[in-house]
Amino acid sequence: MVREQGDLVHKRYQIKHILTQKTFEVTYLTQDQVQCSENCVLREFISTEIGKAAIVGEQFQQQLSKLQGIKNPQIQQLQDFFWESERLFIVQNYIDGQSYQDLVRSRSVLNEAEAIELLNQILPVLSYLHSQQITHGDISPSNILLQSHDNLPVLTNFGVIADILTQMGGENSKIKILDRVRRLATNMIPLGESEDIYALSLTIVMLLTGQEIEILFNSQTQSWEWENWKLVSDQFASVLNRMLAVQALNRLDTAEAVLQALNFSFAPAVPPPPPPPIPAVALIPVPDPWNQSIPNSVQPPVYAFAQSSQPGTINTVSASGKNWQLAVILGSVVGLCIVGISYLFLTLKQPTQSTQQASTPPTSPLPTATDSSPQSQVLPTLPVSPIPTPQENTQSSVSTVPTPQENARVLSSTSISQQEAVKLVNYWLEAKRVMFAPPYNRQVAAVITTGKLYTSTAGSDGTIDWLERNNARYEYGLQRIEEVDQFVADGNKAAIKVKVTEQRKLIKNGRIDPEQSGFDTIAVIYNLQFVDGQWRIASSEILK
């Protein structure tokens, strides 16, 4: 029986009109007569089995009670739930807006900037949910509403709603997005809170491409091929692909990790602080020995090997007026030195010399290969020797960008696990896309590196400097940690040995440099250090 306008449900919710109507579910817009006639959404689930509503209500009571405690303006609040006869009711606040699914259908697909904005707006909401030990369970384009009054996305229709409908005997016309993925492939869906991140990544690629996941998935290669339908920047594609990664080691599986990757990829480039000025040298007037008349009474200093208490000592014997004459001679020497230095400086500035310097590329942004013996191809025994912190890494150079300490727990803990070390290496791989190509972001290097690695990356005459001077950049394709061979940690130092696959090419003046390009899988040791309240990479070494 469908309720009519004016009907009062549970002695509180007055029906205004029907929003949607299905066989086993009717949704009404109602007014809460207790809460100042506030508009509410009343969802009525109908069962044909006697006593079913009470059984389902008790089954999901604990989950629904937890959702009642969630207070966030970007989450549709569950205000009440109850059951009467063979019907179970859920009351939620009314959201005036349009689902992203309808938005894309009526307008067009999202562009890259809109997709990044959606991620930045919804990930903090998921972080809050997960901190309350709650998962959404059914993120999809239809379950995110764009709120009209502030244009902020709002999460609606938690997975428990679909589960209740199924338990009540109804058929849900909208299959959960993760259940659709499970039909396409096995062992691809992460568990727990990571499900929400995976579903969000699929939601984003659906909104970017306008295609359903069944079209975006290649069943033969068991991989997502969404990039065939949408062209986005390498940085953003990398973030999405890491959210969708099959291997857990390479996957961004928390809201904080995705926000961190976005911050590294799209942080504004901040120029490094200028070098300190060269102290001014006071010029002392030097008398011209050629034009100045010299009094006859002035005699030059007399240098003689006089007897001394220490053999080999040269003593100076001066005549009267020796100080003035000495100044004249020294002045002449200083003048000649200045002329010589000026000539040498101008010679070094000739174009031929600068061209020769520019033709030699810097050390590859890959770790430097070592010629050490096989015995050195194991992790160093900790504690390792102290690693100096670069002078460039000052508070003024990093204070304007969100640090990993603010966005990810992985870097800020005084202890570090193997999984956290892997994530730090992944951050480094991701950061190379914005450090070694425009905008040549040195600030990212200041956040995740220290010591030798910082100097060779963002220091004077480091890789970034060379790339800028020579109109060059690195472009990266696949970047992946294949496996972890060894991990050790001791206090504020740690080391991890991993196998890394990386595809890179150096483009200089519009042409690919084949000698500095490649597609390799290499074993690398990364030395880590806890500096200034967070873990950073201090150095790295390729093992042959």
Protein backbone atom coordinates (compact mmCIF):
# COMPACT_ATOMS: atom_id res chain seq x y z
CA MET A 1 0.00 0.00 0.00
CA VAL A 2 1.44 3.34 -1.09
CA ARG A 3 1.00 6.15 1.40
CA GLU A 4 -0.71 9.38 0.43
CA GLN A 5 0.14 13.03 0.99
CA GLY A 6 -0.54 14.06 4.57
CA ASP A 7 -0.20 10.57 6.04
CA LEU A 8 1.76 10.46 9.30
CA VAL A 9 4.31 7.65 9.75
CA HIS A 10 5.54 6.66 13.20
CA LYS A 11 3.53 9.60 14.58
CA ARG A 12 6.25 11.92 13.37
CA TYR A 13 6.98 11.95 9.63
CA GLN A 14 4.31 13.54 7.43
CA ILE A 15 4.25 12.48 3.78
CA LYS A 16 4.67 15.30 1.22
CA HIS A 17 5.06 13.28 -1.98
CA ILE A 18 6.67 10.17 -3.49
CA LEU A 19 10.24 10.46 -4.74
CA THR A 20 10.72 6.93 -6.15
CA GLN A 21 8.61 3.79 -6.19
CA LYS A 22 9.71 0.18 -6.74
CA THR A 23 8.21 -3.20 -5.96
CA PHE A 24 9.90 -3.63 -2.58
CA GLU A 25 10.87 -0.04 -1.78
CA VAL A 26 9.13 3.35 -1.78
CA THR A 27 10.94 6.60 -1.04
CA TYR A 28 9.03 9.65 0.22
CA LEU A 29 9.82 13.27 0.89
CA THR A 30 8.50 13.96 4.37
CA GLN A 31 8.43 16.63 7.05
CA ASP A 32 9.66 15.86 10.52
CA GLN A 33 6.97 17.18 12.83
CA VAL A 34 9.33 17.02 15.80
CA GLN A 35 12.37 18.73 14.26
CA CYS A 36 10.78 22.02 13.12
CA SER A 37 9.19 20.56 9.99
CA GLU A 38 12.58 19.65 8.56
CA ASN A 39 12.51 17.87 5.19
CA CYS A 40 13.54 14.22 5.39
CA VAL A 41 13.79 11.24 3.10
CA LEU A 42 11.76 8.28 4.33
CA ARG A 43 12.69 4.92 2.78
CA GLU A 44 10.15 2.16 3.27
CA PHE A 45 11.28 -1.43 2.65
CA ILE A 46 8.48 -3.94 2.14
CA SER A 47 8.60 -7.69 2.71
CA THR A 48 6.02 -10.36 1.93
CA GLU A 49 7.26 -12.61 4.71
CA ILE A 50 5.67 -12.33 8.13
CA GLY A 51 8.14 -11.17 10.75
CA LYS A 52 10.87 -10.47 8.21
CA ALA A 53 11.14 -6.74 8.95
CA ALA A 54 11.87 -7.33 12.62
CA ILE A 55 14.48 -10.00 11.84
CA VAL A 56 16.29 -7.76 9.32
CA GLY A 57 16.00 -4.73 11.61
CA GLU A 58 17.64 -6.59 14.48
CA GLN A 59 20.28 -8.01 12.14
CA PHE A 60 21.39 -4.56 10.97
CA GLN A 61 20.61 -2.62 14.13
CA GLN A 62 24.23 -2.32 15.22
CA GLN A 63 25.40 -1.04 11.82
CA LEU A 64 22.54 1.43 11.57
CA SER A 65 23.20 2.70 15.08
CA LYS A 66 26.83 3.41 14.18
CA LEU A 67 25.71 5.34 11.11
CA GLN A 68 23.39 7.41 13.29
CA GLY A 69 26.45 8.70 15.15
CA ILE A 70 28.13 10.02 12.00
CA LYS A 71 28.00 13.82 11.81
CA ASN A 72 29.55 15.26 8.67
CA PRO A 73 28.08 17.82 6.24
CA GLN A 74 29.28 15.70 3.29
CA ILE A 75 27.59 12.51 4.47
CA GLN A 76 23.85 11.99 4.21
CA GLN A 77 22.89 11.50 7.83
CA LEU A 78 20.86 8.53 9.00
CA GLN A 79 18.45 10.17 11.47
CA ASP A 80 16.21 7.30 12.47
CA PHE A 81 15.24 3.69 11.74
CA PHE A 82 12.39 1.50 12.96
CA TRP A 83 10.12 -1.31 11.82
CA GLU A 84 6.37 -1.72 11.92
CA SER A 85 4.44 -4.77 10.82
CA GLU A 86 6.18 -6.09 7.69
CA ARG A 87 7.90 -2.83 6.83
CA LEU A 88 11.28 -1.45 7.78
CA PHE A 89 11.84 2.33 7.65
CA ILE A 90 15.04 4.38 7.37
CA VAL A 91 14.97 8.18 7.73
CA GLN A 92 17.74 10.36 6.28
CA ASN A 93 18.21 14.09 5.86
CA TYR A 94 17.16 15.47 2.49
CA ILE A 95 19.96 16.51 0.10
CA ASP A 96 19.05 19.03 -2.58
CA GLY A 97 21.34 18.10 -5.43
CA GLN A 98 22.07 15.84 -8.38
CA SER A 99 24.00 12.58 -8.51
CA TYR A 100 27.23 12.58 -10.48
CA GLN A 101 25.78 9.82 -12.65
CA ASP A 102 22.90 12.08 -13.69
CA LEU A 103 25.25 15.04 -13.97
CA VAL A 104 27.44 13.25 -16.52
CA ARG A 105 24.43 12.05 -18.47
CA SER A 106 22.90 15.53 -18.70
CA ARG A 107 26.10 17.49 -19.25
CA SER A 108 29.31 15.71 -20.20
CA VAL A 109 32.09 13.67 -18.65
CA LEU A 110 34.37 15.25 -16.07
CA ASN A 111 37.62 16.82 -17.16
CA GLU A 112 40.86 16.20 -15.30
CA ALA A 113 40.62 19.29 -13.10
CA GLU A 114 37.07 18.39 -12.03
CA ALA A 115 38.09 14.81 -11.25
CA ILE A 116 41.03 15.95 -9.12
CA GLU A 117 38.78 18.42 -7.31
CA LEU A 118 36.25 15.64 -6.59
CA LEU A 119 39.00 13.44 -5.15
CA ASN A 120 40.34 16.24 -2.96
CA GLN A 121 36.84 16.93 -1.65
CA ILE A 122 35.71 13.36 -1.02
CA LEU A 123 38.91 11.72 0.30
CA PRO A 124 38.90 13.67 3.60
CA VAL A 125 35.32 12.46 4.12
CA LEU A 126 36.39 8.85 3.62
CA SER A 127 39.32 9.41 5.96
CA TYR A 128 36.87 10.55 8.64
CA LEU A 129 34.59 7.56 8.03
CA HIS A 130 37.44 5.09 8.21
CA SER A 131 38.72 6.68 11.42
CA GLN A 132 35.33 5.75 12.89
CA GLN A 133 35.82 2.13 11.74
CA ILE A 134 33.04 2.54 9.17
CA THR A 135 33.19 1.76 5.45
CA HIS A 136 30.76 3.11 2.90
CA GLY A 137 30.60 -0.13 0.97
CA ASP A 138 28.89 1.10 -2.21
CA ILE A 139 30.69 4.13 -3.67
CA SER A 140 29.59 4.76 -7.24
CA PRO A 141 28.62 7.70 -9.51
CA SER A 142 24.98 7.32 -8.44
CA ASN A 143 25.83 7.40 -4.72
CA ILE A 144 27.69 10.71 -4.72
CA LEU A 145 25.48 13.80 -4.89
CA LEU A 146 26.61 17.28 -5.91
CA GLN A 147 24.92 19.49 -3.32
CA SER A 148 23.21 22.53 -4.84
CA HIS A 149 23.87 25.22 -2.24
CA ASP A 150 27.64 24.75 -1.87
CA ASN A 151 28.66 22.49 -4.83
CA LEU A 152 30.25 19.97 -2.47
CA PRO A 153 29.98 16.20 -3.05
CA VAL A 154 27.93 14.24 -0.51
CA LEU A 155 28.16 10.49 0.11
CA THR A 156 24.78 8.74 0.13
CA ASN A 157 23.33 5.23 0.08
CA PHE A 158 25.75 3.25 2.23
CA GLY A 159 26.18 -0.38 1.29
CA VAL A 160 24.11 -1.45 4.26
CA ILE A 161 21.03 0.02 2.51
CA ALA A 162 21.45 -2.31 -0.45
CA ASP A 163 22.07 -5.21 1.94
CA ILE A 164 18.83 -4.48 3.80
CA LEU A 165 16.86 -4.42 0.55
CA THR A 166 18.31 -7.80 -0.41
CA GLN A 167 17.53 -9.31 3.00
CA MET A 168 13.98 -8.03 2.81
CA GLY A 169 13.52 -10.13 -0.31
CA GLY A 170 13.75 -7.34 -2.84
CA GLU A 171 15.89 -7.24 -5.95
CA ASN A 172 18.31 -4.37 -6.13
CA SER A 173 18.33 -3.03 -9.68
CA LYS A 174 21.73 -1.41 -9.06
CA ILE A 175 24.40 -4.00 -8.40
CA LYS A 176 27.24 -2.75 -6.26
CA ILE A 177 30.22 -1.63 -8.32
CA LEU A 178 32.58 -4.00 -6.51
CA ASP A 179 30.24 -6.94 -7.09
CA ARG A 180 30.39 -6.11 -10.79
CA VAL A 181 34.20 -6.19 -10.62
CA ARG A 182 34.11 -9.58 -8.90
CA ARG A 183 32.21 -10.93 -11.88
CA LEU A 184 34.98 -9.69 -14.19
CA ALA A 185 38.01 -10.88 -12.24
CA THR A 186 38.94 -12.65 -9.06
CA ASN A 187 41.36 -11.53 -6.36
CA MET A 188 41.33 -7.91 -7.54
CA ILE A 189 39.21 -6.41 -4.78
CA PRO A 190 41.01 -5.38 -1.57
CA LEU A 191 39.32 -5.94 1.76
CA GLY A 192 38.09 -3.57 4.45
CA GLU A 193 38.50 0.19 4.11
CA SER A 194 40.55 -0.31 0.95
CA GLU A 195 37.33 -1.35 -0.81
CA ASP A 196 36.15 2.25 -0.66
CA ILE A 197 39.37 3.57 -2.23
CA TYR A 198 39.17 0.99 -5.01
CA ALA A 199 35.51 1.78 -5.69
CA LEU A 200 36.29 5.51 -5.67
CA SER A 201 39.01 5.04 -8.29
CA LEU A 202 36.57 3.14 -10.50
CA THR A 203 34.00 5.88 -9.96
CA ILE A 204 36.49 8.52 -11.10
CA VAL A 205 37.47 6.66 -14.29
CA MET A 206 33.78 6.09 -15.10
CA LEU A 207 33.09 9.81 -14.70
CA LEU A 208 36.17 10.69 -16.78
CA THR A 209 35.36 8.30 -19.65
CA GLY A 210 31.58 8.01 -19.54
CA GLN A 211 31.98 4.23 -19.88
CA GLU A 212 30.90 1.35 -17.68
CA ILE A 213 33.53 -0.78 -15.98
CA GLU A 214 32.71 -3.80 -18.15
CA ILE A 215 33.98 -1.83 -21.16
CA LEU A 216 37.02 -0.43 -19.36
CA PHE A 217 38.26 -3.86 -18.23
CA ASN A 218 40.25 -6.15 -20.53
CA SER A 219 39.42 -9.70 -19.49
CA GLN A 220 42.28 -11.18 -21.53
CA THR A 221 45.02 -9.13 -19.88
CA GLN A 222 43.10 -8.81 -16.58
CA SER A 223 43.83 -5.09 -16.51
CA TRP A 224 42.07 -1.74 -16.70
CA GLU A 225 42.37 0.10 -20.03
CA TRP A 226 40.53 3.28 -19.19
CA GLU A 227 43.31 5.44 -20.67
CA ASN A 228 42.18 4.35 -24.15
CA TRP A 229 39.03 6.41 -23.54
CA LYS A 230 40.42 9.49 -21.81
CA LEU A 231 43.63 11.48 -22.13
CA VAL A 232 44.87 12.91 -18.83
CA SER A 233 48.27 14.00 -17.55
CA ASP A 234 50.88 11.37 -16.73
CA GLN A 235 50.83 12.46 -13.09
CA PHE A 236 47.07 11.96 -12.67
CA ALA A 237 47.05 8.71 -14.66
CA SER A 238 49.75 7.37 -12.36
CA VAL A 239 47.72 8.18 -9.25
CA LEU A 240 44.60 6.47 -10.61
CA ASN A 241 46.53 3.42 -11.80
CA ARG A 242 48.15 3.05 -8.38
CA MET A 243 44.69 3.16 -6.81
CA LEU A 244 43.71 0.33 -9.18
CA ALA A 245 46.97 -1.64 -8.89
CA VAL A 246 46.63 -5.40 -8.67
CA GLN A 247 49.62 -5.88 -6.37
CA ALA A 248 49.01 -4.66 -2.83
CA LEU A 249 52.57 -3.31 -2.50
CA ASN A 250 51.96 -0.83 -5.33
CA ARG A 251 48.39 0.12 -4.43
CA LEU A 252 47.29 3.37 -2.82
CA ASP A 253 44.86 1.84 -0.36
CA THR A 254 44.08 4.63 2.11
CA ALA A 255 42.54 8.07 1.71
CA GLU A 256 45.66 9.64 3.22
CA ALA A 257 47.95 7.87 0.75
CA VAL A 258 45.94 9.08 -2.24
CA LEU A 259 45.90 12.64 -0.93
CA GLN A 260 49.65 12.40 -0.43
CA ALA A 261 50.18 11.24 -4.02
CA LEU A 262 47.99 14.06 -5.33
CA ASN A 263 49.92 16.62 -3.29
CA PHE A 264 53.25 15.33 -4.61
CA SER A 265 52.02 15.26 -8.20
CA PHE A 266 50.31 18.64 -8.29
CA ALA A 267 52.01 20.71 -5.59
CA PRO A 268 52.84 24.17 -6.96
CA ALA A 269 56.45 24.66 -7.85
CA VAL A 270 58.19 26.95 -5.39
CA PRO A 271 61.52 28.43 -6.49
CA PRO A 272 64.41 27.57 -4.19
CA PRO A 273 65.71 30.31 -1.92
CA PRO A 274 68.33 32.49 -3.65
CA PRO A 275 71.96 31.88 -2.74
CA PRO A 276 73.40 34.17 -0.08
CA PRO A 277 74.90 37.37 -1.53
CA ILE A 278 78.65 37.55 -1.97
CA PRO A 279 80.07 39.85 0.71
CA ALA A 280 81.18 43.17 -0.69
CA VAL A 281 84.95 43.71 -0.74
CA ALA A 282 86.11 47.17 0.30
CA LEU A 283 88.49 48.58 -2.27
CA ILE A 284 91.61 50.24 -0.86
CA PRO A 285 92.99 53.09 -2.99
CA VAL A 286 96.34 52.04 -4.46
CA PRO A 287 98.85 54.73 -5.42
CA ASP A 288 100.00 54.69 -9.02
CA PRO A 289 103.73 53.81 -8.93
CA TRP A 290 104.27 55.29 -12.39
CA ASN A 291 102.90 58.81 -11.77
CA GLN A 292 103.71 59.35 -8.12
CA SER A 293 106.89 61.17 -7.25
CA ILE A 294 108.97 59.35 -4.70
CA PRO A 295 111.04 61.42 -2.24
CA ASN A 296 114.76 60.81 -2.40
CA SER A 297 114.83 60.13 1.30
CA VAL A 298 112.63 57.08 0.93
CA GLN A 299 114.52 53.85 0.57
CA PRO A 300 113.04 50.47 -0.39
CA PRO A 301 113.00 47.76 2.26
CA VAL A 302 116.15 45.77 2.54
CA TYR A 303 115.71 41.94 2.62
CA ALA A 304 118.68 40.07 4.04
CA PHE A 305 119.38 36.61 5.39
CA ALA A 306 120.17 37.74 8.93
CA GLN A 307 121.20 35.55 11.78
CA SER A 308 118.20 34.00 13.48
CA SER A 309 117.56 31.65 16.29
CA GLN A 310 115.71 29.39 13.80
CA PRO A 311 117.59 28.32 10.67
CA GLY A 312 115.99 29.26 7.36
CA THR A 313 114.06 32.26 8.73
CA ILE A 314 113.95 35.32 6.48
CA ASN A 315 114.30 38.59 8.38
CA THR A 316 113.29 41.94 6.95
CA VAL A 317 115.42 45.04 7.61
CA SER A 318 113.71 48.33 6.59
CA ALA A 319 115.09 51.78 6.02
CA SER A 320 113.26 54.93 6.98
CA GLY A 321 109.97 55.47 5.12
CA LYS A 322 109.75 51.76 4.35
CA ASN A 323 105.98 51.51 5.11
CA TRP A 324 104.93 53.93 2.33
CA GLN A 325 107.19 52.33 -0.24
CA LEU A 326 105.94 48.84 0.72
CA ALA A 327 102.36 50.00 0.14
CA VAL A 328 103.30 51.18 -3.34
CA ILE A 329 104.81 47.84 -4.27
CA LEU A 330 101.96 45.81 -2.77
CA GLY A 331 99.46 48.05 -4.55
CA SER A 332 101.10 47.32 -7.86
CA VAL A 333 100.95 43.59 -7.21
CA VAL A 334 97.24 43.78 -6.22
CA GLY A 335 96.44 45.76 -9.36
CA LEU A 336 98.14 43.22 -11.60
CA CYS A 337 96.30 40.38 -9.82
CA ILE A 338 92.92 42.06 -10.36
CA VAL A 339 93.65 42.45 -14.08
CA GLY A 340 94.71 38.80 -14.33
CA ILE A 341 91.67 37.49 -12.48
CA SER A 342 89.35 39.59 -14.64
CA TYR A 343 90.90 38.17 -17.80
CA LEU A 344 90.58 34.62 -16.49
CA PHE A 345 86.92 35.16 -15.55
CA LEU A 346 86.06 36.53 -19.00
CA THR A 347 87.83 33.58 -20.62
CA LEU A 348 85.81 31.06 -18.63
CA LYS A 349 82.58 32.76 -19.64
CA GLN A 350 83.14 32.12 -23.36
CA PRO A 351 80.27 30.24 -25.11
CA THR A 352 82.47 27.33 -26.11
CA GLN A 353 83.09 26.43 -22.50
CA SER A 354 79.42 26.64 -21.45
CA THR A 355 78.40 24.59 -24.45
CA GLN A 356 80.84 21.91 -23.46
CA GLN A 357 79.44 21.82 -19.93
CA ALA A 358 75.84 21.63 -21.14
CA SER A 359 76.55 18.68 -23.39
CA THR A 360 77.32 16.37 -20.47
CA PRO A 361 74.21 15.07 -18.73
CA PRO A 362 74.14 14.80 -14.95
CA THR A 363 73.89 11.67 -12.98
CA SER A 364 70.72 9.82 -13.95
CA PRO A 365 67.83 10.32 -11.54
CA LEU A 366 68.02 6.60 -11.02
CA PRO A 367 70.25 5.62 -8.10
CA THR A 368 73.93 5.49 -9.00
CA ALA A 369 75.28 2.07 -9.94
CA THR A 370 78.05 0.67 -7.83
CA ASP A 371 81.08 -1.38 -8.77
CA SER A 372 81.34 -2.92 -5.35
CA SER A 373 82.02 -6.57 -4.79
CA PRO A 374 79.21 -9.08 -4.23
CA GLN A 375 79.74 -8.75 -0.50
CA SER A 376 78.45 -5.17 -0.65
CA GLN A 377 75.25 -6.28 -2.31
CA VAL A 378 73.51 -6.79 1.00
CA LEU A 379 71.89 -4.27 3.24
CA PRO A 380 74.34 -2.31 5.37
CA THR A 381 74.52 -3.15 9.03
CA LEU A 382 72.64 -0.59 11.05
CA PRO A 383 73.14 1.83 12.63
CA VAL A 384 74.56 3.49 9.54
CA SER A 385 76.84 6.50 9.64
CA PRO A 386 75.25 9.90 10.29
CA ILE A 387 73.77 11.56 7.22
CA PRO A 388 73.95 15.35 7.04
CA THR A 389 70.74 17.26 6.47
CA PRO A 390 71.00 19.65 3.48
CA GLN A 391 71.22 23.32 4.30
CA GLU A 392 68.68 24.03 1.59
CA ASN A 393 66.03 22.09 3.48
CA THR A 394 64.95 24.96 5.68
CA GLN A 395 61.57 25.72 7.13
CA SER A 396 61.07 28.59 4.72
CA SER A 397 61.47 26.30 1.72
CA VAL A 398 58.87 23.73 2.75
CA SER A 399 56.42 25.53 4.98
CA THR A 400 53.95 26.37 2.22
CA VAL A 401 53.29 22.84 1.01
CA PRO A 402 51.40 20.11 2.91
CA THR A 403 54.00 17.78 4.32
CA PRO A 404 53.72 14.00 4.58
CA GLN A 405 53.45 14.50 8.35
CA GLU A 406 50.16 16.34 7.75
CA ASN A 407 48.76 14.03 5.08
CA ALA A 408 50.07 10.50 5.79
CA ARG A 409 50.87 8.63 8.96
CA VAL A 410 53.48 6.58 7.10
CA LEU A 411 56.17 9.29 7.30
CA SER A 412 55.58 10.85 10.70
CA SER A 413 55.94 7.90 13.08
CA THR A 414 59.29 7.57 14.83
CA SER A 415 59.34 3.88 13.87
CA ILE A 416 58.86 2.56 10.36
CA SER A 417 57.57 -0.79 9.13
CA GLN A 418 58.43 -2.56 5.89
CA GLN A 419 55.07 -1.61 4.37
CA GLU A 420 55.60 2.04 5.29
CA ALA A 421 59.11 1.98 3.82
CA VAL A 422 57.68 0.60 0.56
CA LYS A 423 55.17 3.44 0.47
CA LEU A 424 57.93 5.98 0.99
CA VAL A 425 59.83 4.53 -1.98
CA ASN A 426 56.62 4.69 -4.00
CA TYR A 427 56.30 8.38 -3.07
CA TRP A 428 59.83 8.91 -4.40
CA LEU A 429 59.02 7.18 -7.69
CA GLU A 430 55.87 9.27 -8.05
CA ALA A 431 57.68 12.50 -7.16
CA LYS A 432 60.20 12.08 -9.98
CA ARG A 433 57.44 12.93 -12.46
CA VAL A 434 57.20 16.49 -11.14
CA MET A 435 60.82 16.98 -10.06
CA PHE A 436 62.53 15.92 -13.29
CA ALA A 437 60.05 17.60 -15.64
CA PRO A 438 58.22 20.92 -15.55
CA PRO A 439 57.44 22.37 -13.03
CA TYR A 440 60.83 21.00 -11.75
CA ASN A 441 59.42 20.94 -8.23
CA ARG A 442 62.29 21.19 -5.74
CA GLN A 443 59.87 21.49 -2.85
CA VAL A 444 58.84 17.86 -3.21
CA ALA A 445 62.49 16.83 -2.92
CA ALA A 446 62.77 18.86 0.29
CA VAL A 447 59.84 16.92 1.73
CA ILE A 448 60.86 13.31 1.04
CA THR A 449 64.67 13.38 0.73
CA THR A 450 67.64 14.41 2.82
CA GLY A 451 71.41 14.24 2.78
CA LYS A 452 73.14 12.93 -0.34
CA LEU A 453 69.95 12.23 -2.28
CA TYR A 454 68.62 15.75 -1.71
CA THR A 455 71.91 17.30 -2.82
CA SER A 456 72.13 15.23 -6.01
CA THR A 457 68.48 15.90 -6.80
CA ALA A 458 67.71 19.52 -5.90
CA GLY A 459 71.03 20.93 -4.78
CA SER A 460 73.30 23.19 -6.78
CA ASP A 461 74.34 21.45 -10.03
CA GLY A 462 71.98 18.58 -9.20
CA THR A 463 69.73 16.76 -11.65
CA ILE A 464 66.98 19.40 -11.58
CA ASP A 465 69.46 22.21 -12.26
CA TRP A 466 70.92 20.35 -15.22
CA LEU A 467 67.52 19.58 -16.72
CA GLU A 468 66.41 23.20 -16.50
CA ARG A 469 69.64 24.54 -18.02
CA ASN A 470 69.52 22.14 -20.94
CA ASN A 471 65.82 22.33 -21.84
CA ALA A 472 65.45 18.69 -20.86
CA ARG A 473 63.00 16.55 -18.95
CA TYR A 474 62.38 12.95 -17.99
CA GLU A 475 59.12 11.21 -18.87
CA TYR A 476 58.09 8.04 -17.03
CA GLY A 477 55.89 5.16 -18.03
CA LEU A 478 55.57 2.11 -15.81
CA GLN A 479 56.98 2.49 -12.29
CA ARG A 480 56.52 -0.47 -9.99
CA ILE A 481 58.08 -2.19 -7.00
CA GLU A 482 58.22 -5.85 -7.94
CA GLU A 483 59.30 -7.30 -4.60
CA VAL A 484 61.02 -6.58 -1.31
CA ASP A 485 64.22 -8.55 -0.81
CA GLN A 486 65.25 -7.28 2.62
CA PHE A 487 64.34 -4.68 5.23
CA VAL A 488 66.11 -3.60 8.42
CA ALA A 489 65.42 -0.75 10.84
CA ASP A 490 67.26 0.55 13.88
CA GLY A 491 66.12 3.67 15.70
CA ASN A 492 66.00 6.64 13.35
CA LYS A 493 67.61 4.80 10.43
CA ALA A 494 66.42 2.05 8.14
CA ALA A 495 67.29 0.41 4.83
CA ILE A 496 65.17 -1.48 2.32
CA LYS A 497 66.29 -3.52 -0.68
CA VAL A 498 63.72 -3.78 -3.46
CA LYS A 499 63.45 -4.68 -7.12
CA VAL A 500 62.09 -1.75 -9.10
CA THR A 501 60.79 -1.73 -12.67
CA GLU A 502 60.89 1.68 -14.33
CA GLN A 503 60.33 2.95 -17.86
CA ARG A 504 61.90 6.35 -18.52
CA LYS A 505 63.09 8.54 -21.36
CA LEU A 506 65.18 11.70 -21.36
CA ILE A 507 63.97 14.35 -23.80
CA LYS A 508 66.45 17.11 -24.54
CA ASN A 509 65.55 19.94 -26.91
CA GLY A 510 62.62 17.89 -28.14
CA ARG A 511 64.68 14.77 -28.92
CA ILE A 512 64.95 11.50 -26.99
CA ASP A 513 68.39 10.70 -25.61
CA PRO A 514 68.65 6.90 -25.96
CA GLU A 515 71.67 6.65 -23.66
CA GLN A 516 69.72 8.11 -20.72
CA SER A 517 66.46 6.27 -21.52
CA GLY A 518 65.48 2.72 -20.78
CA PHE A 519 63.08 0.12 -19.41
CA ASP A 520 64.79 -1.80 -16.60
CA THR A 521 64.19 -3.93 -13.55
CA ILE A 522 66.93 -3.27 -11.03
CA ALA A 523 67.77 -4.08 -7.41
CA VAL A 524 68.10 -0.95 -5.31
CA ILE A 525 68.97 -0.26 -1.68
CA TYR A 526 67.29 2.83 -0.22
CA ASN A 527 68.72 4.21 3.01
CA LEU A 528 66.08 5.99 5.11
CA GLN A 529 66.44 8.40 7.99
CA PHE A 530 64.01 10.03 10.43
CA VAL A 531 64.75 13.77 10.12
CA ASP A 532 62.78 16.79 11.39
CA GLY A 533 59.81 14.68 12.48
CA GLN A 534 59.41 12.51 9.38
CA TRP A 535 61.05 9.69 7.42
CA ARG A 536 63.01 10.66 4.33
CA ILE A 537 65.21 8.89 1.79
CA ALA A 538 68.84 9.78 2.45
CA SER A 539 70.59 7.84 -0.33
CA SER A 540 70.10 5.02 -2.80
CA GLU A 541 72.33 2.51 -4.56
CA ILE A 542 71.83 0.23 -7.53
CA LEU A 543 73.20 -3.29 -7.12
CA LYS A 544 74.64 -5.00 -10.14
